[in-house]
Amino acid sequence: MGRLIVEAMPGLPFLAETVLDPHPALLLPFAALLLCIATLPLLLARFWEQHYQKVSLGLGLITVVYYVAGLHAGGRMLGVAVEYVSFIVFIGTLFIVAGGIHVRTKGEATPWHNVLFLAGGAVLANMVGTTGASMLLIRPWIRLNKYRFTTLHTAFFIFVISNVGGCLTPIGDPPLFLGYLKGVPFWWVTAQCLPAWALAVGCLLAVFYVLDRMNFLSAPRKIREEQTARETLKIEGLHNLGWLALILAAVFLKSPPGLREALMAVAAVGSYKTTRQPIHDANHFSFGPIKEVAWLFAGIFATMVPALDYLTRHADRLGITAPLHFYWVSGVLSGVLDNAPSYLAFLTAAFGLHGGNIDRAADVTLFLDQHAAHVVAISLGCVFFGAMTYIGNGPNLMVKAIADHAGVPTPNFFHYIMRYSLPILLPILALVGWVFFAK
C-alpha cells in the first residue's frame, strides 16, 4: 500500500516531515536485502528458511537506528511503521477472507480457457484491487492447472492479475488510489489508461497463449485428457464476499486514524470464525505465506526509506522532462521499490517541473487538462513495472508464497527476472511506451 496511509490520515502530522537527504551509503542495506532475497533461497536454502526473519529485521534495524539516532528523524520512521501496519493489515485481511472462498472450476485448463481466466482476472483487479483479485484467484488458478502447472503459470498470473490488469481504476492499484486522494477523478484513469491497458493485456495474453499451448501439447495424452475433463462449477464460502466488501469499503475511509485497519481486522476475524473448516482444508489454508511476507516486507519498508528520500530529494537532477522519461524512470524504480511512493515522488516532480503544486486542487485540475500525458505515463509506469520483480508490488511475493506452500513450481527471484520479466514483459512495456509516449 506504500504511503496510502499517509495521504488518508491527515491527522498524523508527524508523517509530513521534510524529506531528508540520507548518505548514499544508506542505500546499501536495501541492496543487501534484495541480494539476500534473490540468492540465499538458492545458495543457502536451509539457512534462509530458518533465519530470513533475522536477516530482514537486522538490515532494517540499520536504517532505523541511523534515522532515529543519526538524523533525529524518529517521526519519519514512525510514519513508515504506520505505513507498514496499514499495508500488512490490508494484505493479511484479504488473504484470510480469500482463503475462506473455495472455487472449484470446470477443470478445463486448455490454453484458451487459461487465457479467458487471466482476462477475467484483469477485469476483476479493477473492481477488488490487484491484491484482492490475486488472493481470490491464485488458488483456483493452481487447481485449474494442477496437472501441468509450471513457472510460466506463476509468472503470467503475476504479470496480468497482480499488476498490469489493475490500471483502470483507483481501486485497482495503490498508486492510482493515491492519485485519487490527490484529486484525480475516479473515472479519469479509466478513460485515459484504457487503450494502453488493452494493448498491454492483449500482448501478454497472446504471448501466454502461444507458450501455454506449447506446454499443453507437450504434456502426455493422459494429462491432456484429464485437463479437459469437466467438473461441476462450485463456489463455497460465498458469505465471505460480504467481508470482502467491508474491506474494500474501509479502504476509502480517511478518518479517524485507525478505523480503517480496525474494520479490516473485524472482517478478517469474522471471516475466519464463520468459515467452515472443510473450506479451509480444501484451500490448504495456513498462515505461513502471510507470515513470510510480513517478515520480509518489514525489512523492505525500513531499508527502502533512504532510497525513496534520496530519489525525492534529487529527482530534479535526473533530467526527466518528457512523458516517456517519466514512464521509464518511474517504472524502473517501481520494479525494485514500492510502486506507491514512487508514484507520489514522480507525480510531485512532474507538477514542480511545470510550476504546479500537487496539494492544490486547482493545480491538479489544470495539470490534468494541460499535461495529462505526464500523469498517464507515471500511472502506467508505476502499475505496469511493478510486475518486473517479486517486490515491485505487494501481491507478487504473496502469490509466490501461496504457490510455494501449495507445492507447485515457482520461479526463483533471478529465474523470474531472467526468464520472464526481461525477455517477455519488458519488450511489451517498451512497446506501450513507444506507442503512447514517443512523440
Protein backbone atom coordinates (compact mmCIF):
# COMPACT_ATOMS: atom_id res chain seq x y z
CA MET A 1 0.00 0.00 0.00
CA GLY A 2 3.03 2.30 0.26
CA ARG A 3 2.12 5.73 1.55
CA LEU A 4 -1.62 5.33 1.22
CA ILE A 5 -1.91 5.64 4.99
CA VAL A 6 -0.08 8.97 4.90
CA GLU A 7 -2.46 10.53 2.41
CA ALA A 8 -5.54 9.08 4.04
CA MET A 9 -4.71 10.19 7.56
CA PRO A 10 -4.11 13.95 7.66
CA GLY A 11 -4.49 13.84 11.41
CA LEU A 12 -0.99 12.41 11.82
CA PRO A 13 1.26 15.49 11.48
CA PHE A 14 4.47 13.63 12.22
CA LEU A 15 4.14 11.93 8.82
CA ALA A 16 4.54 15.22 6.97
CA GLU A 17 8.22 15.83 7.75
CA THR A 18 10.54 17.48 5.26
CA VAL A 19 12.14 14.84 3.06
CA LEU A 20 15.61 14.09 4.40
CA ASP A 21 18.85 13.72 2.45
CA PRO A 22 20.45 10.46 3.67
CA HIS A 23 24.03 9.49 2.96
CA PRO A 24 24.27 7.33 -0.21
CA ALA A 25 25.83 4.56 1.89
CA LEU A 26 22.41 4.08 3.49
CA LEU A 27 21.25 2.57 0.22
CA LEU A 28 23.41 -0.49 0.92
CA PRO A 29 21.07 -2.26 3.40
CA PHE A 30 18.27 -2.15 0.81
CA ALA A 31 20.59 -3.52 -1.87
CA ALA A 32 21.82 -6.20 0.54
CA LEU A 33 18.27 -7.28 1.37
CA LEU A 34 17.37 -7.56 -2.31
CA LEU A 35 20.51 -9.63 -2.88
CA CYS A 36 19.63 -11.92 0.03
CA ILE A 37 16.07 -12.44 -1.22
CA ALA A 38 17.42 -13.22 -4.68
CA THR A 39 20.32 -15.54 -3.81
CA LEU A 40 20.04 -17.14 -0.38
CA PRO A 41 16.98 -19.31 -1.16
CA LEU A 42 19.17 -20.85 -3.87
CA LEU A 43 22.61 -20.92 -2.27
CA LEU A 44 21.75 -21.45 1.40
CA ALA A 45 18.16 -22.66 1.36
CA ARG A 46 18.15 -24.19 4.85
CA PHE A 47 19.82 -21.15 6.42
CA TRP A 48 17.38 -18.79 4.68
CA GLU A 49 14.36 -20.80 5.73
CA GLN A 50 15.44 -20.71 9.37
CA HIS A 51 16.83 -17.18 9.59
CA TYR A 52 15.21 -14.95 6.93
CA GLN A 53 13.31 -13.10 9.67
CA LYS A 54 16.57 -12.16 11.41
CA VAL A 55 18.21 -11.09 8.15
CA SER A 56 15.26 -8.89 7.18
CA LEU A 57 14.90 -7.22 10.57
CA GLY A 58 18.66 -6.90 11.07
CA LEU A 59 19.16 -4.97 7.84
CA GLY A 60 16.06 -2.90 8.55
CA LEU A 61 17.37 -2.04 12.01
CA ILE A 62 20.46 -0.41 10.47
CA THR A 63 18.25 2.12 8.71
CA VAL A 64 16.01 2.66 11.73
CA VAL A 65 18.93 3.35 14.07
CA TYR A 66 20.53 5.76 11.61
CA TYR A 67 17.33 7.74 11.11
CA VAL A 68 16.45 7.86 14.80
CA ALA A 69 19.91 8.35 16.34
CA GLY A 70 21.84 9.90 13.46
CA LEU A 71 19.31 12.09 11.69
CA HIS A 72 17.00 12.55 14.71
CA ALA A 73 14.10 11.65 12.43
CA GLY A 74 12.11 9.35 14.66
CA GLY A 75 8.89 10.75 13.23
CA ARG A 76 9.93 9.64 9.75
CA MET A 77 10.44 6.05 10.87
CA LEU A 78 7.27 6.13 12.97
CA GLY A 79 5.41 7.15 9.83
CA VAL A 80 6.95 4.23 7.96
CA ALA A 81 5.88 1.91 10.76
CA VAL A 82 2.29 3.14 10.39
CA GLU A 83 2.52 2.61 6.62
CA TYR A 84 3.79 -0.91 7.18
CA VAL A 85 0.99 -1.80 9.59
CA SER A 86 -1.58 -0.47 7.12
CA PHE A 87 -0.02 -2.48 4.31
CA ILE A 88 0.13 -5.75 6.27
CA VAL A 89 -3.39 -5.36 7.63
CA PHE A 90 -4.70 -4.83 4.10
CA ILE A 91 -2.73 -7.73 2.59
CA GLY A 92 -3.40 -10.01 5.56
CA THR A 93 -7.12 -9.46 5.78
CA LEU A 94 -7.58 -10.05 2.05
CA PHE A 95 -5.51 -13.23 2.39
CA ILE A 96 -7.70 -14.52 5.22
CA VAL A 97 -11.02 -13.65 3.57
CA ALA A 98 -9.96 -15.07 0.19
CA GLY A 99 -8.84 -18.24 1.98
CA GLY A 100 -12.46 -18.77 3.03
CA ILE A 101 -13.75 -18.84 -0.56
CA HIS A 102 -13.28 -22.14 -2.36
CA VAL A 103 -13.80 -22.14 -6.12
CA ARG A 104 -14.00 -25.47 -7.89
CA THR A 105 -13.54 -24.74 -11.57
CA LYS A 106 -14.69 -26.78 -14.53
CA GLY A 107 -11.21 -28.19 -14.89
CA GLU A 108 -10.74 -27.08 -18.49
CA ALA A 109 -7.14 -25.89 -18.38
CA THR A 110 -6.72 -25.68 -22.13
CA PRO A 111 -4.69 -22.67 -23.29
CA TRP A 112 -7.87 -20.91 -24.42
CA HIS A 113 -9.61 -21.37 -21.09
CA ASN A 114 -6.49 -20.19 -19.27
CA VAL A 115 -6.47 -17.02 -21.38
CA LEU A 116 -10.11 -16.37 -20.51
CA PHE A 117 -9.31 -16.90 -16.83
CA LEU A 118 -6.46 -14.37 -16.91
CA ALA A 119 -8.54 -11.87 -18.90
CA GLY A 120 -11.35 -12.13 -16.37
CA GLY A 121 -8.84 -11.65 -13.57
CA ALA A 122 -7.50 -8.50 -15.25
CA VAL A 123 -11.01 -7.03 -15.27
CA LEU A 124 -11.72 -8.15 -11.71
CA ALA A 125 -8.49 -6.50 -10.50
CA ASN A 126 -10.06 -3.11 -11.19
CA MET A 127 -13.06 -3.93 -9.02
CA VAL A 128 -11.40 -5.52 -5.98
CA GLY A 129 -7.79 -4.41 -6.47
CA THR A 130 -4.82 -6.41 -7.70
CA THR A 131 -4.29 -7.72 -4.18
CA GLY A 132 -7.91 -8.82 -3.80
CA ALA A 133 -8.02 -10.44 -7.23
CA SER A 134 -4.72 -12.20 -6.61
CA MET A 135 -5.82 -13.62 -3.29
CA LEU A 136 -9.18 -14.73 -4.69
CA LEU A 137 -7.88 -16.33 -7.88
CA ILE A 138 -4.44 -17.80 -7.22
CA ARG A 139 -5.77 -20.99 -5.61
CA PRO A 140 -8.36 -21.65 -8.37
CA TRP A 141 -5.59 -20.95 -10.92
CA ILE A 142 -3.38 -23.56 -9.30
CA ARG A 143 -6.20 -26.12 -9.15
CA LEU A 144 -7.23 -25.41 -12.73
CA ASN A 145 -3.74 -26.25 -13.98
CA LYS A 146 -2.83 -28.81 -11.33
CA TYR A 147 -1.70 -31.47 -13.84
CA ARG A 148 0.71 -29.26 -15.76
CA PHE A 149 1.38 -26.19 -13.60
CA THR A 150 4.78 -24.63 -14.42
CA THR A 151 6.71 -21.48 -13.57
CA LEU A 152 5.05 -19.98 -16.65
CA HIS A 153 1.67 -20.02 -14.90
CA THR A 154 3.05 -18.29 -11.80
CA ALA A 155 4.79 -15.55 -13.80
CA PHE A 156 1.87 -14.67 -16.07
CA PHE A 157 -0.59 -14.69 -13.19
CA ILE A 158 1.60 -12.03 -11.53
CA PHE A 159 2.01 -10.11 -14.79
CA VAL A 160 -1.68 -9.91 -15.67
CA ILE A 161 -3.73 -10.18 -12.48
CA SER A 162 -1.34 -8.92 -9.79
CA ASN A 163 -0.15 -5.90 -11.75
CA VAL A 164 -0.93 -4.85 -15.33
CA GLY A 165 -4.64 -5.65 -15.13
CA GLY A 166 -5.31 -3.16 -12.34
CA CYS A 167 -4.58 0.16 -14.04
CA LEU A 168 -8.14 1.22 -14.91
CA THR A 169 -9.50 2.44 -11.56
CA PRO A 170 -8.10 3.87 -8.31
CA ILE A 171 -9.22 0.64 -6.63
CA GLY A 172 -7.03 -1.37 -8.96
CA ASP A 173 -3.59 -0.49 -7.59
CA PRO A 174 -2.32 1.61 -4.65
CA PRO A 175 -0.52 4.24 -6.81
CA LEU A 176 -3.77 5.10 -8.57
CA PHE A 177 -5.57 5.35 -5.25
CA LEU A 178 -3.00 7.90 -4.13
CA GLY A 179 -3.75 9.90 -7.28
CA TYR A 180 -7.46 9.73 -6.46
CA LEU A 181 -6.76 11.09 -2.98
CA LYS A 182 -4.81 13.94 -4.56
CA GLY A 183 -7.76 14.91 -6.75
CA VAL A 184 -7.52 12.78 -9.91
CA PRO A 185 -11.19 11.96 -10.77
CA PHE A 186 -12.18 8.32 -10.34
CA TRP A 187 -13.12 7.63 -13.98
CA TRP A 188 -10.40 9.85 -15.46
CA VAL A 189 -7.96 6.97 -15.05
CA THR A 190 -10.27 4.59 -16.91
CA ALA A 191 -10.69 6.92 -19.88
CA GLN A 192 -7.00 7.79 -20.14
CA CYS A 193 -5.43 4.37 -19.47
CA LEU A 194 -7.86 2.03 -21.28
CA PRO A 195 -6.01 1.96 -24.65
CA ALA A 196 -2.65 1.18 -23.01
CA TRP A 197 -4.31 -1.42 -20.73
CA ALA A 198 -5.87 -3.14 -23.75
CA LEU A 199 -2.55 -3.21 -25.62
CA ALA A 200 -0.50 -4.49 -22.67
CA VAL A 201 -3.03 -7.10 -21.51
CA GLY A 202 -3.69 -8.19 -25.09
CA CYS A 203 0.01 -8.70 -25.82
CA LEU A 204 0.58 -10.59 -22.58
CA LEU A 205 -2.39 -12.89 -23.23
CA ALA A 206 -1.25 -13.53 -26.80
CA VAL A 207 2.26 -14.49 -25.68
CA PHE A 208 0.85 -16.61 -22.87
CA TYR A 209 -1.45 -18.46 -25.27
CA VAL A 210 1.47 -19.43 -27.52
CA LEU A 211 3.66 -20.58 -24.63
CA ASP A 212 0.85 -22.35 -22.79
CA ARG A 213 -0.25 -24.13 -25.96
CA MET A 214 3.29 -25.45 -26.38
CA ASN A 215 3.20 -26.61 -22.77
CA PHE A 216 -0.22 -28.22 -23.27
CA LEU A 217 0.76 -30.08 -26.44
CA SER A 218 3.96 -31.36 -24.86
CA ALA A 219 2.05 -32.91 -21.94
CA PRO A 220 1.28 -36.66 -22.11
CA ARG A 221 -2.05 -37.52 -23.73
CA LYS A 222 -3.45 -38.78 -20.42
CA ILE A 223 -2.76 -35.44 -18.74
CA ARG A 224 -4.37 -33.50 -21.60
CA GLU A 225 -7.48 -35.62 -21.29
CA GLU A 226 -7.59 -35.11 -17.53
CA GLN A 227 -7.15 -31.35 -18.00
CA THR A 228 -10.21 -31.16 -20.26
CA ALA A 229 -12.41 -33.40 -18.13
CA ARG A 230 -15.39 -31.38 -16.99
CA GLU A 231 -16.23 -30.86 -13.36
CA THR A 232 -19.16 -29.08 -11.77
CA LEU A 233 -18.53 -25.41 -11.11
CA LYS A 234 -18.97 -24.87 -7.39
CA ILE A 235 -18.22 -21.92 -5.12
CA GLU A 236 -18.24 -22.35 -1.35
CA GLY A 237 -17.90 -19.69 1.32
CA LEU A 238 -19.85 -17.04 -0.58
CA HIS A 239 -20.70 -15.28 2.68
CA ASN A 240 -17.10 -14.07 2.66
CA LEU A 241 -17.96 -11.72 -0.20
CA GLY A 242 -19.67 -9.60 2.44
CA TRP A 243 -16.48 -9.46 4.50
CA LEU A 244 -14.55 -8.64 1.31
CA ALA A 245 -16.93 -5.76 0.60
CA LEU A 246 -16.29 -4.41 4.11
CA ILE A 247 -12.53 -4.41 3.50
CA LEU A 248 -12.88 -2.62 0.17
CA ALA A 249 -15.24 -0.05 1.67
CA ALA A 250 -12.82 0.55 4.54
CA VAL A 251 -10.04 1.44 2.07
CA PHE A 252 -11.82 4.72 1.30
CA LEU A 253 -12.07 5.85 4.92
CA LYS A 254 -9.81 8.81 5.64
CA SER A 255 -10.56 9.35 9.34
CA PRO A 256 -10.45 8.83 12.21
CA PRO A 257 -6.97 7.25 12.27
CA GLY A 258 -7.04 3.51 12.78
CA LEU A 259 -10.71 2.97 11.94
CA ARG A 260 -9.89 1.57 8.50
CA GLU A 261 -7.49 -1.03 9.87
CA ALA A 262 -9.90 -1.89 12.70
CA LEU A 263 -12.72 -2.61 10.25
CA MET A 264 -10.41 -4.73 8.12
CA ALA A 265 -9.37 -6.70 11.20
CA VAL A 266 -13.03 -7.23 12.12
CA ALA A 267 -13.66 -8.55 8.60
CA ALA A 268 -10.72 -10.95 8.84
CA VAL A 269 -11.73 -12.32 12.25
CA GLY A 270 -15.35 -12.58 11.19
CA SER A 271 -14.41 -14.41 8.01
CA TYR A 272 -12.09 -16.84 9.77
CA LYS A 273 -14.59 -17.65 12.52
CA THR A 274 -17.56 -18.11 10.19
CA THR A 275 -15.82 -20.21 7.54
CA ARG A 276 -16.25 -23.96 7.85
CA GLN A 277 -13.06 -25.95 8.36
CA PRO A 278 -13.61 -28.12 5.24
CA ILE A 279 -13.38 -24.97 3.10
CA HIS A 280 -10.06 -24.00 4.67
CA ASP A 281 -8.87 -27.58 4.23
CA ALA A 282 -9.89 -27.58 0.56
CA ASN A 283 -7.85 -24.39 0.06
CA HIS A 284 -4.90 -25.82 2.04
CA PHE A 285 -5.17 -22.64 4.08
CA SER A 286 -2.41 -21.77 6.53
CA PHE A 287 -0.90 -18.57 7.88
CA GLY A 288 2.56 -19.49 6.57
CA PRO A 289 2.50 -17.32 3.43
CA ILE A 290 1.32 -14.15 5.19
CA LYS A 291 3.90 -14.62 7.96
CA GLU A 292 6.69 -14.89 5.39
CA VAL A 293 5.53 -11.78 3.54
CA ALA A 294 5.13 -9.83 6.79
CA TRP A 295 8.70 -10.53 7.90
CA LEU A 296 10.26 -9.76 4.52
CA PHE A 297 8.31 -6.54 3.97
CA ALA A 298 9.23 -5.32 7.46
CA GLY A 299 12.81 -5.18 6.23
CA ILE A 300 11.86 -3.85 2.81
CA PHE A 301 9.78 -0.98 4.22
CA ALA A 302 12.60 0.06 6.55
CA THR A 303 15.54 -0.25 4.17
CA MET A 304 13.84 1.44 1.22
CA VAL A 305 13.30 4.72 3.13
CA PRO A 306 16.76 6.14 2.28
CA ALA A 307 16.29 5.16 -1.37
CA LEU A 308 12.93 6.96 -1.55
CA ASP A 309 14.19 10.02 0.31
CA TYR A 310 17.30 10.25 -1.86
CA LEU A 311 15.21 9.90 -5.01
CA THR A 312 12.71 12.57 -3.95
CA ARG A 313 15.46 14.97 -2.87
CA HIS A 314 17.48 14.61 -6.08
CA ALA A 315 14.78 13.93 -8.69
CA ASP A 316 15.41 17.31 -10.32
CA ARG A 317 18.94 16.19 -11.27
CA LEU A 318 17.73 13.27 -13.36
CA GLY A 319 16.80 15.39 -16.37
CA ILE A 320 13.29 13.95 -16.55
CA THR A 321 11.02 16.18 -18.63
CA ALA A 322 9.01 14.25 -21.25
CA PRO A 323 6.21 11.76 -20.51
CA LEU A 324 8.34 8.94 -21.93
CA HIS A 325 11.08 9.82 -19.43
CA PHE A 326 8.61 9.67 -16.55
CA TYR A 327 7.21 6.37 -17.84
CA TRP A 328 10.59 4.65 -17.88
CA VAL A 329 12.17 6.10 -14.76
CA SER A 330 9.12 5.75 -12.54
CA GLY A 331 8.61 2.27 -13.99
CA VAL A 332 12.13 1.01 -13.48
CA LEU A 333 12.22 2.25 -9.90
CA SER A 334 8.78 0.79 -9.22
CA GLY A 335 10.21 -2.60 -10.13
CA VAL A 336 12.54 -2.54 -7.13
CA LEU A 337 10.84 -0.04 -4.81
CA ASP A 338 7.28 0.10 -3.58
CA ASN A 339 5.37 1.49 -6.57
CA ALA A 340 3.06 3.69 -4.46
CA PRO A 341 5.70 6.07 -3.05
CA SER A 342 7.47 6.03 -6.43
CA TYR A 343 4.22 7.32 -7.95
CA LEU A 344 4.00 10.17 -5.44
CA ALA A 345 7.65 11.11 -5.87
CA PHE A 346 7.45 11.42 -9.66
CA LEU A 347 4.00 12.98 -9.75
CA THR A 348 5.28 15.65 -7.37
CA ALA A 349 8.32 16.14 -9.60
CA ALA A 350 6.13 16.47 -12.70
CA PHE A 351 3.96 19.13 -11.03
CA GLY A 352 7.06 21.01 -9.92
CA LEU A 353 8.50 20.87 -13.41
CA HIS A 354 5.53 22.90 -14.65
CA GLY A 355 5.22 25.18 -11.63
CA GLY A 356 2.32 23.35 -10.01
CA ASN A 357 1.64 22.11 -6.50
CA ILE A 358 0.17 18.63 -6.17
CA ASP A 359 -1.52 19.62 -2.90
CA ARG A 360 -3.61 22.41 -4.52
CA ALA A 361 -6.88 21.25 -6.08
CA ALA A 362 -6.85 23.98 -8.72
CA ASP A 363 -3.34 22.96 -9.82
CA VAL A 364 -4.41 19.33 -10.09
CA THR A 365 -7.35 20.22 -12.33
CA LEU A 366 -5.18 22.44 -14.54
CA PHE A 367 -2.38 19.87 -14.74
CA LEU A 368 -4.76 17.09 -15.80
CA ASP A 369 -6.06 19.35 -18.54
CA GLN A 370 -2.71 20.56 -19.87
CA HIS A 371 -0.32 17.70 -19.06
CA ALA A 372 -2.46 14.57 -18.96
CA ALA A 373 0.26 12.54 -20.70
CA HIS A 374 2.61 13.03 -17.73
CA VAL A 375 0.07 11.63 -15.27
CA VAL A 376 -0.78 8.72 -17.56
CA ALA A 377 2.90 7.93 -18.08
CA ILE A 378 3.61 7.87 -14.35
CA SER A 379 0.45 5.85 -13.64
CA LEU A 380 1.23 3.21 -16.24
CA GLY A 381 4.92 3.09 -15.35
CA CYS A 382 4.27 2.50 -11.67
CA VAL A 383 1.48 -0.06 -12.20
CA PHE A 384 2.93 -2.00 -15.13
CA PHE A 385 6.56 -2.17 -13.99
CA GLY A 386 5.50 -3.39 -10.55
CA ALA A 387 5.50 -6.82 -12.20
CA MET A 388 9.21 -6.73 -13.04
CA THR A 389 10.30 -8.29 -9.72
CA TYR A 390 8.69 -10.04 -6.78
CA ILE A 391 8.98 -6.92 -4.62
CA GLY A 392 7.64 -4.38 -7.12
CA ASN A 393 4.08 -4.80 -5.84
CA GLY A 394 2.70 -6.34 -2.65
CA PRO A 395 0.69 -9.20 -4.21
CA ASN A 396 3.69 -10.56 -6.13
CA LEU A 397 5.51 -12.06 -3.19
CA MET A 398 2.23 -13.24 -1.68
CA VAL A 399 1.32 -15.14 -4.86
CA LYS A 400 4.73 -16.79 -4.87
CA ALA A 401 4.41 -17.72 -1.19
CA ILE A 402 0.97 -19.28 -1.73
CA ALA A 403 2.19 -21.20 -4.76
CA ASP A 404 5.26 -22.40 -2.83
CA HIS A 405 3.09 -23.62 0.02
CA ALA A 406 0.84 -25.38 -2.49
CA GLY A 407 3.87 -27.28 -3.76
CA VAL A 408 3.68 -26.08 -7.38
CA PRO A 409 6.62 -24.74 -9.42
CA THR A 410 7.50 -21.09 -8.93
CA PRO A 411 10.46 -19.24 -10.46
CA ASN A 412 13.08 -18.01 -8.02
CA PHE A 413 13.97 -14.31 -7.89
CA PHE A 414 16.54 -14.43 -10.72
CA HIS A 415 14.64 -17.00 -12.76
CA TYR A 416 11.55 -14.79 -12.68
CA ILE A 417 13.52 -11.80 -13.96
CA MET A 418 15.81 -13.50 -16.48
CA ARG A 419 13.29 -15.92 -17.99
CA TYR A 420 10.08 -13.92 -17.84
CA SER A 421 10.40 -10.23 -16.91
CA LEU A 422 13.26 -9.20 -19.17
CA PRO A 423 12.59 -11.27 -22.32
CA ILE A 424 8.76 -11.15 -22.24
CA LEU A 425 7.35 -8.36 -20.07
CA LEU A 426 9.94 -5.65 -20.76
CA PRO A 427 9.55 -5.65 -24.58
CA ILE A 428 5.77 -5.37 -24.20
CA LEU A 429 6.15 -2.45 -21.79
CA ALA A 430 8.63 -0.86 -24.20
CA LEU A 431 6.04 -1.19 -26.97
CA VAL A 432 3.45 0.54 -24.78
CA GLY A 433 5.88 3.38 -24.08
CA TRP A 434 6.72 3.79 -27.76
CA VAL A 435 3.09 3.73 -28.93
CA PHE A 436 1.72 6.18 -26.39
CA PHE A 437 4.59 8.46 -25.34
CA ALA A 438 7.25 8.53 -28.08
CA LYS A 439 6.26 11.87 -29.58
